[in-house]
């Protein structure tokens, strides 16, 4: 079943979103399940709202988009940290907003609009002023329509948001440039990942990581540009899980360039599964 949200609740929350000074859209894995990427893009562009994704929701919003902040977990990109800290309204859709070390910490004092299809998520860890139970794709379409109705078909323009995102991202990358372009020996893992990012076409790849260092090193910098082009995980899985995930991804999408970043400990756990993959 795919329920829509209560129309009165949606309209009330849409008014809050329109009146917000520094809103942020926070997308989770539910947007991928609902196949609602187009709706998130449409709403973000309509109101010029920056978008961040959860670790598991990474790739639900194209991260090469001018309004993309990147992704957050226990670590995050600088634009996520910057805009989330200044946000007055957080529009969370398709995420449980669970408080966890692998989840983006939500600073206090935010007015939260929370869209989820699981009633157990509502007010579980984060108090939501505007809880809405429903399918992400359907509820996002309701929000788009409500915003257009409330604005008379025109959109409020928040000038300069995209430029601010680009400026913050560029300053952040400049700070990290010594590691991202390091020539040190042994190789710095950031250098390996940065070369990968600048070599591989993200639209033609599916990328994942293992838990621990590779996840935290890769996730903030890698820009996933198409739905399901990145498999983010890490809450309760063991080292080595990424290898099984990427084998599954290759079986599901044999035309994609499928890559798993793993460290020495993960390789020690599941290295023999390379032989399994070749044999099968």
C-alpha atoms as a PDB file:
ATOM      1  CA  UNK A   1       0.000   0.000   0.000  1.00  0.00           C
ATOM      2  CA  UNK A   2       1.130   3.547  -0.745  1.00  0.00           C
ATOM      3  CA  UNK A   3      -0.790   6.093   1.306  1.00  0.00           C
ATOM      4  CA  UNK A   4      -0.707   9.803   0.597  1.00  0.00           C
ATOM      5  CA  UNK A   5      -0.467  12.301   3.438  1.00  0.00           C
ATOM      6  CA  UNK A   6      -3.337  14.065   5.154  1.00  0.00           C
ATOM      7  CA  UNK A   7      -4.006  17.055   2.837  1.00  0.00           C
ATOM      8  CA  UNK A   8      -4.578  19.478   5.712  1.00  0.00           C
ATOM      9  CA  UNK A   9      -1.315  18.426   7.366  1.00  0.00           C
ATOM     10  CA  UNK A  10       0.531  18.838   4.065  1.00  0.00           C
ATOM     11  CA  UNK A  11      -0.907  22.313   3.485  1.00  0.00           C
ATOM     12  CA  UNK A  12       0.015  23.423   7.000  1.00  0.00           C
ATOM     13  CA  UNK A  13       3.572  22.126   6.634  1.00  0.00           C
ATOM     14  CA  UNK A  14       3.879  23.644   3.145  1.00  0.00           C
ATOM     15  CA  UNK A  15       3.091  27.075   4.640  1.00  0.00           C
ATOM     16  CA  UNK A  16       5.897  26.589   7.146  1.00  0.00           C
ATOM     17  CA  UNK A  17       8.291  25.577   4.373  1.00  0.00           C
ATOM     18  CA  UNK A  18       7.365  28.666   2.353  1.00  0.00           C
ATOM     19  CA  UNK A  19       7.917  30.973   5.323  1.00  0.00           C
ATOM     20  CA  UNK A  20      11.267  29.444   6.302  1.00  0.00           C
ATOM     21  CA  UNK A  21      14.360  31.626   6.017  1.00  0.00           C
ATOM     22  CA  UNK A  22      16.996  28.858   5.824  1.00  0.00           C
ATOM     23  CA  UNK A  23      15.196  25.571   5.054  1.00  0.00           C
ATOM     24  CA  UNK A  24      17.014  22.309   4.274  1.00  0.00           C
ATOM     25  CA  UNK A  25      15.612  19.138   2.690  1.00  0.00           C
ATOM     26  CA  UNK A  26      16.917  15.934   4.307  1.00  0.00           C
ATOM     27  CA  UNK A  27      16.366  12.829   2.143  1.00  0.00           C
ATOM     28  CA  UNK A  28      16.773   9.227   3.238  1.00  0.00           C
ATOM     29  CA  UNK A  29      16.621   5.723   1.828  1.00  0.00           C
ATOM     30  CA  UNK A  30      12.829   5.897   1.618  1.00  0.00           C
ATOM     31  CA  UNK A  31      13.188   8.273  -1.333  1.00  0.00           C
ATOM     32  CA  UNK A  32      15.084   5.533  -3.174  1.00  0.00           C
ATOM     33  CA  UNK A  33      12.449   2.913  -2.302  1.00  0.00           C
ATOM     34  CA  UNK A  34       9.666   5.256  -3.448  1.00  0.00           C
ATOM     35  CA  UNK A  35      11.617   6.238  -6.588  1.00  0.00           C
ATOM     36  CA  UNK A  36      10.947   9.858  -5.690  1.00  0.00           C
ATOM     37  CA  UNK A  37      14.180  11.517  -6.859  1.00  0.00           C
ATOM     38  CA  UNK A  38      12.398  13.564  -9.540  1.00  0.00           C
ATOM     39  CA  UNK A  39       9.950  14.937  -6.995  1.00  0.00           C
ATOM     40  CA  UNK A  40      12.740  15.958  -4.599  1.00  0.00           C
ATOM     41  CA  UNK A  41      14.552  17.737  -7.429  1.00  0.00           C
ATOM     42  CA  UNK A  42      11.356  19.511  -8.475  1.00  0.00           C
ATOM     43  CA  UNK A  43      10.544  20.727  -4.964  1.00  0.00           C
ATOM     44  CA  UNK A  44      14.137  21.813  -4.291  1.00  0.00           C
ATOM     45  CA  UNK A  45      14.311  23.779  -7.533  1.00  0.00           C
ATOM     46  CA  UNK A  46      10.860  25.270  -7.005  1.00  0.00           C
ATOM     47  CA  UNK A  47      11.890  26.842  -3.699  1.00  0.00           C
ATOM     48  CA  UNK A  48      15.694  26.871  -4.118  1.00  0.00           C
ATOM     49  CA  UNK A  49      16.202  24.703  -1.030  1.00  0.00           C
ATOM     50  CA  UNK A  50      19.518  22.891  -0.455  1.00  0.00           C
ATOM     51  CA  UNK A  51      19.356  19.102  -0.090  1.00  0.00           C
ATOM     52  CA  UNK A  52      21.382  16.692   2.034  1.00  0.00           C
ATOM     53  CA  UNK A  53      21.104  12.919   2.123  1.00  0.00           C
ATOM     54  CA  UNK A  54      21.596  10.305   4.791  1.00  0.00           C
ATOM     55  CA  UNK A  55      24.300   7.660   4.478  1.00  0.00           C
ATOM     56  CA  UNK A  56      21.751   5.071   3.310  1.00  0.00           C
ATOM     57  CA  UNK A  57      19.934   7.642   1.181  1.00  0.00           C
ATOM     58  CA  UNK A  58      23.051   8.797  -0.673  1.00  0.00           C
ATOM     59  CA  UNK A  59      22.268   8.996  -4.418  1.00  0.00           C
ATOM     60  CA  UNK A  60      18.578   9.771  -3.777  1.00  0.00           C
ATOM     61  CA  UNK A  61      19.394  13.346  -4.868  1.00  0.00           C
ATOM     62  CA  UNK A  62      21.973  13.974  -7.628  1.00  0.00           C
ATOM     63  CA  UNK A  63      25.054  15.256  -5.826  1.00  0.00           C
ATOM     64  CA  UNK A  64      26.329  17.162  -8.852  1.00  0.00           C
ATOM     65  CA  UNK A  65      23.194  19.337  -8.668  1.00  0.00           C
ATOM     66  CA  UNK A  66      23.759  22.984  -7.752  1.00  0.00           C
ATOM     67  CA  UNK A  67      21.516  22.575  -4.661  1.00  0.00           C
ATOM     68  CA  UNK A  68      23.205  19.377  -3.412  1.00  0.00           C
ATOM     69  CA  UNK A  69      24.970  19.669  -0.058  1.00  0.00           C
ATOM     70  CA  UNK A  70      26.262  16.102  -0.136  1.00  0.00           C
ATOM     71  CA  UNK A  71      25.754  13.424   2.484  1.00  0.00           C
ATOM     72  CA  UNK A  72      26.013  13.102   6.211  1.00  0.00           C
ATOM     73  CA  UNK A  73      26.594  10.395   8.806  1.00  0.00           C
ATOM     74  CA  UNK A  74      29.066  10.420  11.679  1.00  0.00           C
ATOM     75  CA  UNK A  75      31.132  12.461   9.213  1.00  0.00           C
ATOM     76  CA  UNK A  76      29.816  14.835   6.577  1.00  0.00           C
ATOM     77  CA  UNK A  77      30.722  17.277   3.851  1.00  0.00           C
ATOM     78  CA  UNK A  78      31.352  20.888   4.897  1.00  0.00           C
ATOM     79  CA  UNK A  79      28.233  22.164   3.066  1.00  0.00           C
ATOM     80  CA  UNK A  80      26.084  19.730   5.110  1.00  0.00           C
ATOM     81  CA  UNK A  81      27.631  20.958   8.347  1.00  0.00           C
ATOM     82  CA  UNK A  82      27.303  24.614   7.310  1.00  0.00           C
ATOM     83  CA  UNK A  83      23.700  24.610   6.102  1.00  0.00           C
ATOM     84  CA  UNK A  84      22.313  22.159   8.658  1.00  0.00           C
ATOM     85  CA  UNK A  85      23.710  24.254  11.471  1.00  0.00           C
ATOM     86  CA  UNK A  86      22.017  27.398  10.144  1.00  0.00           C
ATOM     87  CA  UNK A  87      18.716  25.787   9.137  1.00  0.00           C
ATOM     88  CA  UNK A  88      15.506  26.956  10.763  1.00  0.00           C
ATOM     89  CA  UNK A  89      13.247  24.347   9.104  1.00  0.00           C
ATOM     90  CA  UNK A  90      14.292  20.766   8.318  1.00  0.00           C
ATOM     91  CA  UNK A  91      12.102  18.933   5.811  1.00  0.00           C
ATOM     92  CA  UNK A  92      12.985  15.267   6.373  1.00  0.00           C
ATOM     93  CA  UNK A  93      11.529  12.775   3.902  1.00  0.00           C
ATOM     94  CA  UNK A  94      12.090   9.029   3.660  1.00  0.00           C
ATOM     95  CA  UNK A  95      14.323   8.946   6.721  1.00  0.00           C
ATOM     96  CA  UNK A  96      13.693   7.585  10.206  1.00  0.00           C
ATOM     97  CA  UNK A  97      15.665  10.425  11.837  1.00  0.00           C
ATOM     98  CA  UNK A  98      17.134   7.808  14.159  1.00  0.00           C
ATOM     99  CA  UNK A  99      19.733   9.151  16.570  1.00  0.00           C
ATOM    100  CA  UNK A 100      22.807   7.005  15.896  1.00  0.00           C
ATOM    101  CA  UNK A 101      26.544   7.325  15.359  1.00  0.00           C
ATOM    102  CA  UNK A 102      26.048   6.558  11.664  1.00  0.00           C
ATOM    103  CA  UNK A 103      23.316   9.193  11.297  1.00  0.00           C
ATOM    104  CA  UNK A 104      23.757  12.912  10.762  1.00  0.00           C
ATOM    105  CA  UNK A 105      23.369  14.636  14.143  1.00  0.00           C
ATOM    106  CA  UNK A 106      20.495  17.128  14.013  1.00  0.00           C
ATOM    107  CA  UNK A 107      21.267  20.314  15.968  1.00  0.00           C
ATOM    108  CA  UNK A 108      18.607  21.376  18.439  1.00  0.00           C
ATOM    109  CA  UNK A 109      16.164  24.174  17.757  1.00  0.00           C
ATOM    110  CA  UNK A 110      15.029  23.087  14.291  1.00  0.00           C
ATOM    111  CA  UNK A 111      11.390  23.052  13.216  1.00  0.00           C
ATOM    112  CA  UNK A 112      11.034  19.572  11.743  1.00  0.00           C
ATOM    113  CA  UNK A 113       8.633  18.439   9.034  1.00  0.00           C
ATOM    114  CA  UNK A 114       8.935  14.652   9.033  1.00  0.00           C
ATOM    115  CA  UNK A 115       7.559  12.537   6.162  1.00  0.00           C
ATOM    116  CA  UNK A 116       7.805   8.777   6.645  1.00  0.00           C
ATOM    117  CA  UNK A 117       5.722   5.713   5.790  1.00  0.00           C
ATOM    118  CA  UNK A 118       6.445   4.088   9.165  1.00  0.00           C
ATOM    119  CA  UNK A 119       4.515   5.485  12.133  1.00  0.00           C
ATOM    120  CA  UNK A 120       7.171   4.074  14.478  1.00  0.00           C
ATOM    121  CA  UNK A 121       9.615   6.693  13.162  1.00  0.00           C
ATOM    122  CA  UNK A 122       7.476   9.676  14.090  1.00  0.00           C
ATOM    123  CA  UNK A 123       8.743  11.410  17.232  1.00  0.00           C
ATOM    124  CA  UNK A 124      10.949   8.414  17.988  1.00  0.00           C
ATOM    125  CA  UNK A 125      14.228  10.304  18.416  1.00  0.00           C
ATOM    126  CA  UNK A 126      13.463  13.729  16.938  1.00  0.00           C
ATOM    127  CA  UNK A 127      10.313  15.659  17.912  1.00  0.00           C
ATOM    128  CA  UNK A 128       8.511  16.660  14.715  1.00  0.00           C
ATOM    129  CA  UNK A 129       6.304  19.727  14.762  1.00  0.00           C
ATOM    130  CA  UNK A 130       4.715  18.535  11.516  1.00  0.00           C
ATOM    131  CA  UNK A 131       4.614  14.711  11.280  1.00  0.00           C
ATOM    132  CA  UNK A 132       3.167  13.325   8.054  1.00  0.00           C
ATOM    133  CA  UNK A 133       2.588   9.639   7.451  1.00  0.00           C
ATOM    134  CA  UNK A 134       2.728   8.624   3.800  1.00  0.00           C
ATOM    135  CA  UNK A 135       4.673   7.441   0.766  1.00  0.00           C
ATOM    136  CA  UNK A 136       7.573   9.748  -0.088  1.00  0.00           C
ATOM    137  CA  UNK A 137       6.705  10.087  -3.789  1.00  0.00           C
ATOM    138  CA  UNK A 138       3.031  10.815  -3.192  1.00  0.00           C
ATOM    139  CA  UNK A 139       3.601  13.212  -0.304  1.00  0.00           C
ATOM    140  CA  UNK A 140       6.292  15.135  -2.202  1.00  0.00           C
ATOM    141  CA  UNK A 141       3.850  15.601  -5.081  1.00  0.00           C
ATOM    142  CA  UNK A 142       1.294  16.901  -2.569  1.00  0.00           C
ATOM    143  CA  UNK A 143       3.875  19.386  -1.268  1.00  0.00           C
ATOM    144  CA  UNK A 144       4.725  20.578  -4.779  1.00  0.00           C
ATOM    145  CA  UNK A 145       1.057  21.151  -5.567  1.00  0.00           C
ATOM    146  CA  UNK A 146       0.390  22.812  -2.198  1.00  0.00           C
ATOM    147  CA  UNK A 147       3.349  25.177  -2.580  1.00  0.00           C
ATOM    148  CA  UNK A 148       2.201  26.179  -6.063  1.00  0.00           C
ATOM    149  CA  UNK A 149      -1.341  26.783  -4.826  1.00  0.00           C
ATOM    150  CA  UNK A 150      -0.192  28.831  -1.845  1.00  0.00           C
ATOM    151  CA  UNK A 151       2.103  30.934  -3.999  1.00  0.00           C
ATOM    152  CA  UNK A 152      -0.378  31.324  -6.804  1.00  0.00           C
ATOM    153  CA  UNK A 153       1.727  29.304  -9.187  1.00  0.00           C
ATOM    154  CA  UNK A 154       4.905  31.288  -8.561  1.00  0.00           C
ATOM    155  CA  UNK A 155       7.852  30.211  -6.459  1.00  0.00           C
ATOM    156  CA  UNK A 156       9.705  32.053  -3.743  1.00  0.00           C
ATOM    157  CA  UNK A 157      13.271  32.539  -4.931  1.00  0.00           C
ATOM    158  CA  UNK A 158      16.074  32.279  -2.410  1.00  0.00           C
ATOM    159  CA  UNK A 159      18.760  34.017  -4.403  1.00  0.00           C
ATOM    160  CA  UNK A 160      22.353  33.042  -3.846  1.00  0.00           C
ATOM    161  CA  UNK A 161      21.805  29.594  -2.300  1.00  0.00           C
ATOM    162  CA  UNK A 162      23.585  27.697  -5.090  1.00  0.00           C
ATOM    163  CA  UNK A 163      26.461  30.174  -5.060  1.00  0.00           C
ATOM    164  CA  UNK A 164      26.817  29.821  -1.282  1.00  0.00           C
ATOM    165  CA  UNK A 165      26.915  26.023  -1.587  1.00  0.00           C
ATOM    166  CA  UNK A 166      29.610  26.242  -4.274  1.00  0.00           C
ATOM    167  CA  UNK A 167      31.674  28.678  -2.176  1.00  0.00           C
ATOM    168  CA  UNK A 168      31.524  26.558   0.992  1.00  0.00           C
ATOM    169  CA  UNK A 169      32.344  23.388  -0.948  1.00  0.00           C
ATOM    170  CA  UNK A 170      35.323  25.000  -2.686  1.00  0.00           C
ATOM    171  CA  UNK A 171      36.745  26.340   0.599  1.00  0.00           C
ATOM    172  CA  UNK A 172      36.363  22.869   2.146  1.00  0.00           C
ATOM    173  CA  UNK A 173      38.102  21.135  -0.770  1.00  0.00           C
ATOM    174  CA  UNK A 174      40.938  23.639  -0.624  1.00  0.00           C
ATOM    175  CA  UNK A 175      41.526  22.730   3.029  1.00  0.00           C
ATOM    176  CA  UNK A 176      41.584  19.027   2.160  1.00  0.00           C
ATOM    177  CA  UNK A 177      43.654  19.444  -1.005  1.00  0.00           C
ATOM    178  CA  UNK A 178      46.965  18.410   0.653  1.00  0.00           C
ATOM    179  CA  UNK A 179      45.502  14.986   1.493  1.00  0.00           C
ATOM    180  CA  UNK A 180      43.427  14.602  -1.678  1.00  0.00           C
ATOM    181  CA  UNK A 181      46.448  15.256  -3.891  1.00  0.00           C
ATOM    182  CA  UNK A 182      49.172  13.862  -1.622  1.00  0.00           C
ATOM    183  CA  UNK A 183      52.234  12.176  -3.174  1.00  0.00           C
ATOM    184  CA  UNK A 184      53.312  10.576   0.090  1.00  0.00           C
ATOM    185  CA  UNK A 185      54.427   6.933   0.280  1.00  0.00           C
ATOM    186  CA  UNK A 186      52.726   4.664   1.285  1.00  0.00           C
ATOM    187  CA  UNK A 187      49.762   6.096  -0.635  1.00  0.00           C
ATOM    188  CA  UNK A 188      47.320   8.230   1.297  1.00  0.00           C
ATOM    189  CA  UNK A 189      43.828   6.686   0.929  1.00  0.00           C
ATOM    190  CA  UNK A 190      42.348  10.118   0.215  1.00  0.00           C
ATOM    191  CA  UNK A 191      44.615  10.411  -2.837  1.00  0.00           C
ATOM    192  CA  UNK A 192      43.405   7.054  -4.148  1.00  0.00           C
ATOM    193  CA  UNK A 193      39.764   8.025  -3.705  1.00  0.00           C
ATOM    194  CA  UNK A 194      40.225  11.511  -5.175  1.00  0.00           C
ATOM    195  CA  UNK A 195      41.891  10.090  -8.290  1.00  0.00           C
ATOM    196  CA  UNK A 196      39.044   7.581  -8.568  1.00  0.00           C
ATOM    197  CA  UNK A 197      36.431  10.338  -8.217  1.00  0.00           C
ATOM    198  CA  UNK A 198      38.074  12.351 -10.979  1.00  0.00           C
ATOM    199  CA  UNK A 199      38.539   9.378 -13.318  1.00  0.00           C
ATOM    200  CA  UNK A 200      35.355   7.289 -13.168  1.00  0.00           C
ATOM    201  CA  UNK A 201      32.015   8.414 -14.642  1.00  0.00           C
ATOM    202  CA  UNK A 202      29.753   8.325 -11.583  1.00  0.00           C
ATOM    203  CA  UNK A 203      26.637   7.834 -13.721  1.00  0.00           C
ATOM    204  CA  UNK A 204      28.064   4.554 -15.049  1.00  0.00           C
ATOM    205  CA  UNK A 205      29.240   3.219 -11.673  1.00  0.00           C
ATOM    206  CA  UNK A 206      27.877   1.657  -8.512  1.00  0.00           C
ATOM    207  CA  UNK A 207      30.086   2.342  -5.516  1.00  0.00           C
ATOM    208  CA  UNK A 208      30.108   1.075  -1.956  1.00  0.00           C
ATOM    209  CA  UNK A 209      32.561   0.877   0.924  1.00  0.00           C
ATOM    210  CA  UNK A 210      33.284  -1.155   3.968  1.00  0.00           C
ATOM    211  CA  UNK A 211      32.563   0.057   7.457  1.00  0.00           C
ATOM    212  CA  UNK A 212      35.219   1.987   9.310  1.00  0.00           C
ATOM    213  CA  UNK A 213      37.840   4.148   7.641  1.00  0.00           C
ATOM    214  CA  UNK A 214      36.983   3.590   3.937  1.00  0.00           C
ATOM    215  CA  UNK A 215      33.376   4.638   4.512  1.00  0.00           C
ATOM    216  CA  UNK A 216      34.294   7.804   6.406  1.00  0.00           C
ATOM    217  CA  UNK A 217      37.032   8.711   3.919  1.00  0.00           C
ATOM    218  CA  UNK A 218      34.964   8.198   0.776  1.00  0.00           C
ATOM    219  CA  UNK A 219      31.407   9.211   1.600  1.00  0.00           C
ATOM    220  CA  UNK A 220      31.826  12.983   2.138  1.00  0.00           C
ATOM    221  CA  UNK A 221      33.829  13.489  -1.067  1.00  0.00           C
ATOM    222  CA  UNK A 222      32.218  11.084  -3.541  1.00  0.00           C
ATOM    223  CA  UNK A 223      29.357  12.602  -5.520  1.00  0.00           C
ATOM    224  CA  UNK A 224      26.679  10.054  -6.410  1.00  0.00           C
ATOM    225  CA  UNK A 225      24.784  11.398  -9.399  1.00  0.00           C
ATOM    226  CA  UNK A 226      22.110   8.784 -10.156  1.00  0.00           C
ATOM    227  CA  UNK A 227      19.662   6.842  -7.945  1.00  0.00           C
ATOM    228  CA  UNK A 228      21.154   3.625  -6.541  1.00  0.00           C
ATOM    229  CA  UNK A 229      24.618   4.474  -7.825  1.00  0.00           C
ATOM    230  CA  UNK A 230      25.914   4.349  -4.251  1.00  0.00           C
ATOM    231  CA  UNK A 231      25.259   1.768  -1.536  1.00  0.00           C
ATOM    232  CA  UNK A 232      25.639   3.493   1.818  1.00  0.00           C
ATOM    233  CA  UNK A 233      25.566   1.391   4.967  1.00  0.00           C
ATOM    234  CA  UNK A 234      27.241   0.874   8.312  1.00  0.00           C
ATOM    235  CA  UNK A 235      24.847   0.816  11.262  1.00  0.00           C
ATOM    236  CA  UNK A 236      25.017  -2.876  12.137  1.00  0.00           C
ATOM    237  CA  UNK A 237      27.012  -4.751   9.500  1.00  0.00           C
ATOM    238  CA  UNK A 238      30.353  -6.472   9.928  1.00  0.00           C
ATOM    239  CA  UNK A 239      33.634  -5.690   8.202  1.00  0.00           C
ATOM    240  CA  UNK A 240      33.680  -7.243   4.740  1.00  0.00           C
ATOM    241  CA  UNK A 241      29.983  -6.695   4.017  1.00  0.00           C
ATOM    242  CA  UNK A 242      30.782  -4.320   1.162  1.00  0.00           C
ATOM    243  CA  UNK A 243      32.286  -7.098  -0.956  1.00  0.00           C
ATOM    244  CA  UNK A 244      29.052  -9.107  -0.869  1.00  0.00           C
ATOM    245  CA  UNK A 245      27.053  -5.974  -1.618  1.00  0.00           C
ATOM    246  CA  UNK A 246      29.099  -5.084  -4.666  1.00  0.00           C
ATOM    247  CA  UNK A 247      28.972  -8.669  -5.992  1.00  0.00           C
ATOM    248  CA  UNK A 248      25.185  -8.391  -5.752  1.00  0.00           C
ATOM    249  CA  UNK A 249      25.251  -5.010  -7.476  1.00  0.00           C
ATOM    250  CA  UNK A 250      27.295  -6.424 -10.365  1.00  0.00           C
ATOM    251  CA  UNK A 251      24.851  -9.320 -10.764  1.00  0.00           C
ATOM    252  CA  UNK A 252      21.921  -6.884 -10.768  1.00  0.00           C
ATOM    253  CA  UNK A 253      23.561  -4.362 -13.091  1.00  0.00           C
ATOM    254  CA  UNK A 254      26.292  -6.118 -15.111  1.00  0.00           C
ATOM    255  CA  UNK A 255      26.758  -3.090 -17.373  1.00  0.00           C
ATOM    256  CA  UNK A 256      27.841  -0.900 -14.438  1.00  0.00           C
ATOM    257  CA  UNK A 257      31.386  -0.400 -13.168  1.00  0.00           C
ATOM    258  CA  UNK A 258      30.988  -1.779  -9.633  1.00  0.00           C
ATOM    259  CA  UNK A 259      33.554  -0.829  -6.983  1.00  0.00           C
ATOM    260  CA  UNK A 260      33.978  -1.551  -3.285  1.00  0.00           C
ATOM    261  CA  UNK A 261      36.499   0.321  -1.146  1.00  0.00           C
ATOM    262  CA  UNK A 262      37.771  -1.924   1.638  1.00  0.00           C
ATOM    263  CA  UNK A 263      40.597  -1.798   4.134  1.00  0.00           C
ATOM    264  CA  UNK A 264      43.020  -4.489   5.255  1.00  0.00           C
ATOM    265  CA  UNK A 265      40.815  -5.718   8.109  1.00  0.00           C
ATOM    266  CA  UNK A 266      37.791  -6.124   5.820  1.00  0.00           C
ATOM    267  CA  UNK A 267      39.946  -7.967   3.304  1.00  0.00           C
ATOM    268  CA  UNK A 268      41.082 -10.261   6.090  1.00  0.00           C
ATOM    269  CA  UNK A 269      37.463 -11.057   6.926  1.00  0.00           C
ATOM    270  CA  UNK A 270      36.159 -11.833   3.415  1.00  0.00           C
ATOM    271  CA  UNK A 271      39.104 -11.861   0.997  1.00  0.00           C
ATOM    272  CA  UNK A 272      38.383 -15.434  -0.065  1.00  0.00           C
ATOM    273  CA  UNK A 273      35.059 -14.275  -1.505  1.00  0.00           C
ATOM    274  CA  UNK A 274      36.991 -12.806  -4.437  1.00  0.00           C
ATOM    275  CA  UNK A 275      37.616 -16.438  -5.444  1.00  0.00           C
ATOM    276  CA  UNK A 276      33.908 -17.184  -4.938  1.00  0.00           C
ATOM    277  CA  UNK A 277      32.967 -14.283  -7.206  1.00  0.00           C
ATOM    278  CA  UNK A 278      35.329 -15.440  -9.966  1.00  0.00           C
ATOM    279  CA  UNK A 279      34.247 -19.071  -9.700  1.00  0.00           C
ATOM    280  CA  UNK A 280      30.525 -18.202  -9.832  1.00  0.00           C
END
